[in-house]
Amino acid sequence: MSPIVSIIMGSTSDLPVMEKACQFFEEMEIPFEVNALSAHRTPDAVSDFARGAAARGIKVIIAGAGMAAALPGVIAAETPLPVIGVPIKGSCLEGLDATFAIMQMPPGIPVATVAINGAQNAAILAMQMLALGDDALMQKLVTYKAGLKKKIVKANEELSKLEYKFKC
């Protein structure tokens, strides 16, 4: 089995956030890889990774980064594959710095951007991209989304049982 999604983070300190993507792919049985690469500390390794990802069978790249958050954009500049950026919440600007850095890419170098610490949504978006050409993945996605609806219906059933004097 070879990975079709690559999860990249700027540092292993980002793993608690990016692990949500790993868990989602594990649950959906989508082969993935996970690595730490730094746009600033290991630029040659980032370039080699980005240039070689498609040839290795990778279809989508999820790149998480905080602060200056150059990693997703640097990868996007050197690969034809879709890149999804996950801004990681930092200590200074609560992740807004990373969000703006990932969102504000120059024309021709798009990076899809999810919410701050939104690795799970990045994984879902990657699955949606992959499912466009894979009926089995599309069915898994439909089932997953139906499960989300069931959770809300169940939550409302439980809320309806709450008793308060002024609750109507």
Protein backbone atom coordinates (compact mmCIF):
# COMPACT_ATOMS: atom_id res chain seq x y z
CA MET A 1 0.00 0.00 0.00
CA SER A 2 1.33 3.42 -0.95
CA PRO A 3 0.18 6.75 0.48
CA ILE A 4 -2.11 8.95 -1.59
CA VAL A 5 -2.23 11.81 0.92
CA SER A 6 0.78 13.46 2.50
CA ILE A 7 0.44 15.26 5.82
CA ILE A 8 3.33 17.65 6.38
CA MET A 9 3.95 19.82 9.41
CA GLY A 10 6.59 22.43 10.09
CA SER A 11 7.57 20.83 13.38
CA THR A 12 6.57 17.85 15.50
CA SER A 13 5.14 20.36 17.96
CA ASP A 14 2.29 20.64 15.41
CA LEU A 15 1.45 16.94 15.77
CA PRO A 16 -1.35 17.37 18.35
CA VAL A 17 -3.24 19.43 15.74
CA MET A 18 -2.26 17.46 12.63
CA GLU A 19 -3.00 14.14 14.31
CA LYS A 20 -6.71 14.80 13.76
CA ALA A 21 -6.10 14.42 10.02
CA CYS A 22 -4.18 11.18 10.65
CA GLN A 23 -7.04 9.82 12.76
CA PHE A 24 -9.62 10.71 10.08
CA PHE A 25 -7.65 8.98 7.31
CA GLU A 26 -7.15 5.96 9.55
CA GLU A 27 -10.91 5.78 10.18
CA MET A 28 -11.66 6.17 6.45
CA GLU A 29 -8.94 3.68 5.46
CA ILE A 30 -7.15 6.18 3.22
CA PRO A 31 -3.40 5.50 2.92
CA PHE A 32 -1.36 8.48 4.10
CA GLU A 33 2.10 9.49 5.20
CA VAL A 34 3.11 12.04 7.80
CA ASN A 35 6.38 13.99 8.00
CA ALA A 36 7.90 17.11 9.49
CA LEU A 37 9.57 19.51 7.05
CA SER A 38 10.44 23.13 7.62
CA ALA A 39 10.32 25.74 4.87
CA HIS A 40 12.91 27.76 6.81
CA ARG A 41 15.14 25.08 8.38
CA THR A 42 15.06 22.40 5.64
CA PRO A 43 14.21 24.26 2.40
CA ASP A 44 16.00 21.76 0.15
CA ALA A 45 14.09 18.83 1.68
CA VAL A 46 10.79 20.70 1.21
CA SER A 47 11.64 21.37 -2.42
CA ASP A 48 12.63 17.73 -3.03
CA PHE A 49 9.43 16.52 -1.35
CA ALA A 50 7.16 18.87 -3.33
CA ARG A 51 8.79 18.12 -6.68
CA GLY A 52 8.64 14.36 -6.14
CA ALA A 53 5.25 13.93 -4.46
CA ALA A 54 3.16 13.35 -7.61
CA ALA A 55 5.63 10.80 -9.00
CA ARG A 56 5.35 8.86 -5.72
CA GLY A 57 1.57 8.61 -6.11
CA ILE A 58 0.53 11.40 -3.73
CA LYS A 59 -2.77 13.00 -4.84
CA VAL A 60 -3.30 15.69 -2.14
CA ILE A 61 -0.96 17.40 0.32
CA ILE A 62 -2.05 18.79 3.68
CA ALA A 63 0.52 21.18 5.15
CA GLY A 64 0.23 22.58 8.65
CA ALA A 65 2.33 25.50 9.79
CA GLY A 66 2.29 28.24 12.37
CA MET A 67 3.60 31.77 12.66
CA ALA A 68 5.11 32.78 9.27
CA ALA A 69 3.50 29.62 7.83
CA ALA A 70 5.51 29.51 4.62
CA LEU A 71 5.38 25.72 4.30
CA PRO A 72 2.07 25.30 2.43
CA GLY A 73 2.93 28.03 -0.08
CA VAL A 74 6.45 26.79 -0.70
CA ILE A 75 5.08 23.30 -1.36
CA ALA A 76 2.34 24.68 -3.64
CA ALA A 77 4.94 26.61 -5.62
CA GLU A 78 6.77 23.39 -6.53
CA THR A 79 4.00 20.84 -7.13
CA PRO A 80 1.00 20.54 -9.45
CA LEU A 81 -0.92 18.76 -6.66
CA PRO A 82 -3.62 20.45 -4.57
CA VAL A 83 -2.29 21.74 -1.26
CA ILE A 84 -4.50 22.33 1.77
CA GLY A 85 -3.01 24.61 4.41
CA VAL A 86 -3.75 24.26 8.11
CA PRO A 87 -2.86 27.38 10.09
CA ILE A 88 -1.51 26.34 13.49
CA LYS A 89 -2.34 28.49 16.48
CA GLY A 90 0.79 30.13 17.82
CA SER A 91 1.52 32.06 20.98
CA CYS A 92 1.67 35.58 19.55
CA LEU A 93 -1.32 36.20 17.30
CA GLU A 94 -3.47 33.13 18.09
CA GLY A 95 -2.97 31.70 14.59
CA LEU A 96 -4.07 34.77 12.63
CA ASP A 97 -0.51 35.30 11.42
CA ALA A 98 -0.44 31.76 10.00
CA THR A 99 -3.93 32.12 8.54
CA PHE A 100 -3.06 35.27 6.62
CA ALA A 101 0.28 33.84 5.47
CA ILE A 102 -1.42 30.74 4.05
CA MET A 103 -4.43 32.54 2.56
CA GLN A 104 -2.61 35.37 0.84
CA MET A 105 -0.87 33.43 -1.91
CA PRO A 106 0.10 35.11 -5.18
CA PRO A 107 -1.86 34.39 -8.37
CA GLY A 108 -1.04 30.96 -9.78
CA ILE A 109 -0.03 29.42 -6.43
CA PRO A 110 -3.33 28.55 -4.71
CA VAL A 111 -3.46 26.96 -1.28
CA ALA A 112 -6.85 25.92 0.08
CA THR A 113 -7.01 27.13 3.67
CA VAL A 114 -9.07 25.71 6.53
CA ALA A 115 -9.71 27.13 9.98
CA ILE A 116 -7.01 27.62 12.58
CA ASN A 117 -6.09 24.14 13.88
CA GLY A 118 -8.58 22.70 11.35
CA ALA A 119 -6.67 19.54 10.42
CA GLN A 120 -9.80 17.38 10.51
CA ASN A 121 -11.55 19.63 7.99
CA ALA A 122 -8.40 19.54 5.85
CA ALA A 123 -8.62 15.74 5.85
CA ILE A 124 -12.31 15.84 4.94
CA LEU A 125 -11.60 18.29 2.10
CA ALA A 126 -8.80 16.03 0.85
CA MET A 127 -11.19 13.07 0.91
CA GLN A 128 -13.76 15.08 -1.05
CA MET A 129 -11.11 15.78 -3.71
CA LEU A 130 -10.11 12.12 -3.85
CA ALA A 131 -13.74 10.96 -3.94
CA LEU A 132 -14.40 12.82 -7.20
CA GLY A 133 -12.72 9.93 -9.01
CA ASP A 134 -13.46 7.09 -6.60
CA ASP A 135 -17.01 5.79 -6.06
CA ALA A 136 -16.08 3.79 -2.95
CA LEU A 137 -14.58 6.86 -1.27
CA MET A 138 -17.63 8.90 -2.29
CA GLN A 139 -19.90 6.38 -0.57
CA LYS A 140 -17.76 6.51 2.59
CA LEU A 141 -18.03 10.29 2.49
CA VAL A 142 -21.82 10.16 2.10
CA THR A 143 -22.02 7.77 5.06
CA TYR A 144 -19.73 9.99 7.14
CA LYS A 145 -21.81 13.10 6.43
CA ALA A 146 -25.03 11.22 7.26
CA GLY A 147 -23.45 10.29 10.60
CA LEU A 148 -22.86 13.98 11.35
CA LYS A 149 -26.56 14.65 10.81
CA LYS A 150 -27.52 11.78 13.13
CA LYS A 151 -25.33 13.24 15.90
CA ILE A 152 -27.22 16.55 15.76
CA VAL A 153 -30.62 14.86 15.66
CA LYS A 154 -29.65 12.80 18.73
CA ALA A 155 -28.32 15.90 20.52
CA ASN A 156 -31.63 17.71 19.94
CA GLU A 157 -33.57 14.73 21.25
CA GLU A 158 -31.49 14.86 24.44
CA LEU A 159 -31.90 18.63 24.72
CA SER A 160 -35.67 18.28 24.44
CA LYS A 161 -35.63 16.22 27.65
CA LEU A 162 -34.03 18.97 29.69
CA GLU A 163 -36.45 20.42 32.21
CA TYR A 164 -36.41 24.04 33.24
CA LYS A 165 -39.20 26.10 34.72
CA PHE A 166 -39.28 28.57 31.82
CA LYS A 167 -38.28 26.23 29.00
CA CYS A 168 -41.02 25.97 26.42
